[in-house]
Structure formats: structure tokens, C-alpha cells
Amino acid sequence: MSHVFEVVTYTAKNAETALKLRRDAMEHAKELEGFVRYHALVNVEDQTQFVDLVEWANLEAAQAAAEKVMTLPAFQGMMAEIASVESMKHFSIDKITA
């Protein structure tokens, strides 16, 4: 199976605080097994709306990481700053066009 992309859409309580905490959490995400890449997106019209696009080696690594971040201290600040999660899903690539 090819790499898996985890797409999480959520709203933060405070945009400025969440940006800092997410950047800190991103550094720790690199240490998780199967981590490949992390794109941190912010809605240009509403700075409290975030999307995390995280690339994992496979679905198993993505699912294991999702469980770990709920308990690891390095991620607790960011988790506490989330007001609501709209969506969290995993995707594979169908086709890439350049």
C-alpha cells in the first residue's frame, strides 16, 4: 500500500495560541513511527479554522499515531486548544498531475 494522508479539519479556541502549540506539536510528530510529512494549513478567511494534512508510511502507522497523540504530553497543549473537530479521515493517492 502507498502512503496514506490523514486530513484533520478543526476549529481552535484561540488562533494565535493554537498556531504556536501546533508548531510545537509538529516537531514531536516527526518522532512518531511512519511519519513522512506534515502540512499545517490555516483558513485565509477564518484564522481559527485549521487543516492538518499529515502523510504517513501506511494506514497502520497513521492509526497508531492517532492513538499515541491522545496520551503523549507533547501534544496535550494543542489538544486542549481545539474547540471542535469537524473531520478526521485517511486518504490514498489516486493520481498526481504536475
Protein backbone atom coordinates (compact mmCIF):
# COMPACT_ATOMS: atom_id res chain seq x y z
CA MET A 1 0.00 0.00 0.00
CA SER A 2 1.22 3.51 -0.78
CA HIS A 3 1.49 6.36 1.67
CA VAL A 4 -1.66 7.48 3.49
CA PHE A 5 -2.73 11.06 4.01
CA GLU A 6 -4.53 11.99 7.19
CA VAL A 7 -6.74 15.05 6.80
CA VAL A 8 -7.98 16.65 10.02
CA THR A 9 -10.22 19.72 9.90
CA TYR A 10 -10.82 21.53 13.18
CA THR A 11 -11.51 24.85 14.88
CA ALA A 12 -9.22 26.32 17.50
CA LYS A 13 -10.30 28.26 20.57
CA ASN A 14 -7.65 30.94 20.01
CA ALA A 15 -5.83 31.19 16.66
CA GLU A 16 -2.59 32.72 17.94
CA THR A 17 -2.21 30.23 20.79
CA ALA A 18 -3.15 27.28 18.59
CA LEU A 19 -0.61 28.23 15.90
CA LYS A 20 2.22 28.18 18.41
CA LEU A 21 1.09 24.95 20.04
CA ARG A 22 0.59 23.24 16.68
CA ARG A 23 4.09 24.22 15.56
CA ASP A 24 5.48 22.72 18.75
CA ALA A 25 3.45 19.54 18.25
CA MET A 26 4.64 19.26 14.64
CA GLU A 27 8.22 18.89 15.84
CA HIS A 28 7.20 15.96 18.01
CA ALA A 29 5.15 14.36 15.22
CA LYS A 30 8.41 13.75 13.35
CA GLU A 31 9.36 11.27 16.07
CA LEU A 32 6.31 9.06 15.53
CA GLU A 33 6.82 5.81 13.63
CA GLY A 34 5.81 6.05 9.97
CA PHE A 35 5.78 9.86 9.87
CA VAL A 36 6.60 11.29 6.43
CA ARG A 37 5.43 14.92 6.15
CA TYR A 38 3.10 17.45 7.81
CA HIS A 39 1.33 20.35 6.10
CA ALA A 40 -0.29 22.77 8.56
CA LEU A 41 -2.99 24.85 6.87
CA VAL A 42 -5.00 27.83 8.11
CA ASN A 43 -8.22 29.14 6.56
CA VAL A 44 -7.47 32.53 4.99
CA GLU A 45 -10.94 33.83 5.88
CA ASP A 46 -11.18 32.44 9.42
CA GLN A 47 -7.85 32.09 11.23
CA THR A 48 -9.38 29.74 13.82
CA GLN A 49 -10.08 27.05 11.20
CA PHE A 50 -7.18 24.65 10.70
CA VAL A 51 -6.46 21.67 8.48
CA ASP A 52 -3.63 19.25 9.19
CA LEU A 53 -2.51 17.20 6.22
CA VAL A 54 -0.17 14.55 7.55
CA GLU A 55 1.49 11.96 5.34
CA TRP A 56 2.19 8.54 6.87
CA ALA A 57 4.03 5.49 5.56
CA ASN A 58 0.83 3.44 5.82
CA LEU A 59 -2.61 3.33 7.42
CA GLU A 60 -1.39 1.32 10.41
CA ALA A 61 1.19 4.00 11.27
CA ALA A 62 -1.44 6.73 10.94
CA GLN A 63 -3.86 4.92 13.23
CA ALA A 64 -1.17 4.13 15.81
CA ALA A 65 -0.03 7.75 15.84
CA ALA A 66 -3.61 8.96 16.31
CA GLU A 67 -3.85 6.86 19.47
CA LYS A 68 -0.45 7.97 20.78
CA VAL A 69 -1.01 11.71 20.40
CA MET A 70 -4.00 11.46 22.72
CA THR A 71 -1.72 10.44 25.59
CA LEU A 72 1.71 11.95 24.88
CA PRO A 73 2.42 15.12 26.93
CA ALA A 74 3.94 16.89 23.89
CA PHE A 75 0.51 17.01 22.22
CA GLN A 76 -1.72 17.86 25.18
CA GLY A 77 -1.42 21.64 24.82
CA MET A 78 -2.63 21.55 21.23
CA MET A 79 -5.39 19.08 22.03
CA ALA A 80 -6.67 21.39 24.76
CA GLU A 81 -6.76 24.30 22.29
CA ILE A 82 -9.13 22.50 19.89
CA ALA A 83 -12.72 23.74 20.15
CA SER A 84 -14.15 21.16 17.73
CA VAL A 85 -13.05 18.58 15.18
CA GLU A 86 -15.09 18.69 12.00
CA SER A 87 -13.45 15.74 10.26
CA MET A 88 -10.60 13.23 10.52
CA LYS A 89 -10.15 10.86 7.60
CA HIS A 90 -7.45 8.90 5.77
CA PHE A 91 -6.88 9.03 2.01
CA SER A 92 -4.66 7.37 -0.55
CA ILE A 93 -3.49 8.90 -3.81
CA ASP A 94 -5.46 8.11 -6.94
CA LYS A 95 -3.34 10.22 -9.31
CA ILE A 96 -0.86 13.12 -9.22
CA THR A 97 -0.66 15.68 -12.00
CA ALA A 98 2.08 18.28 -12.28
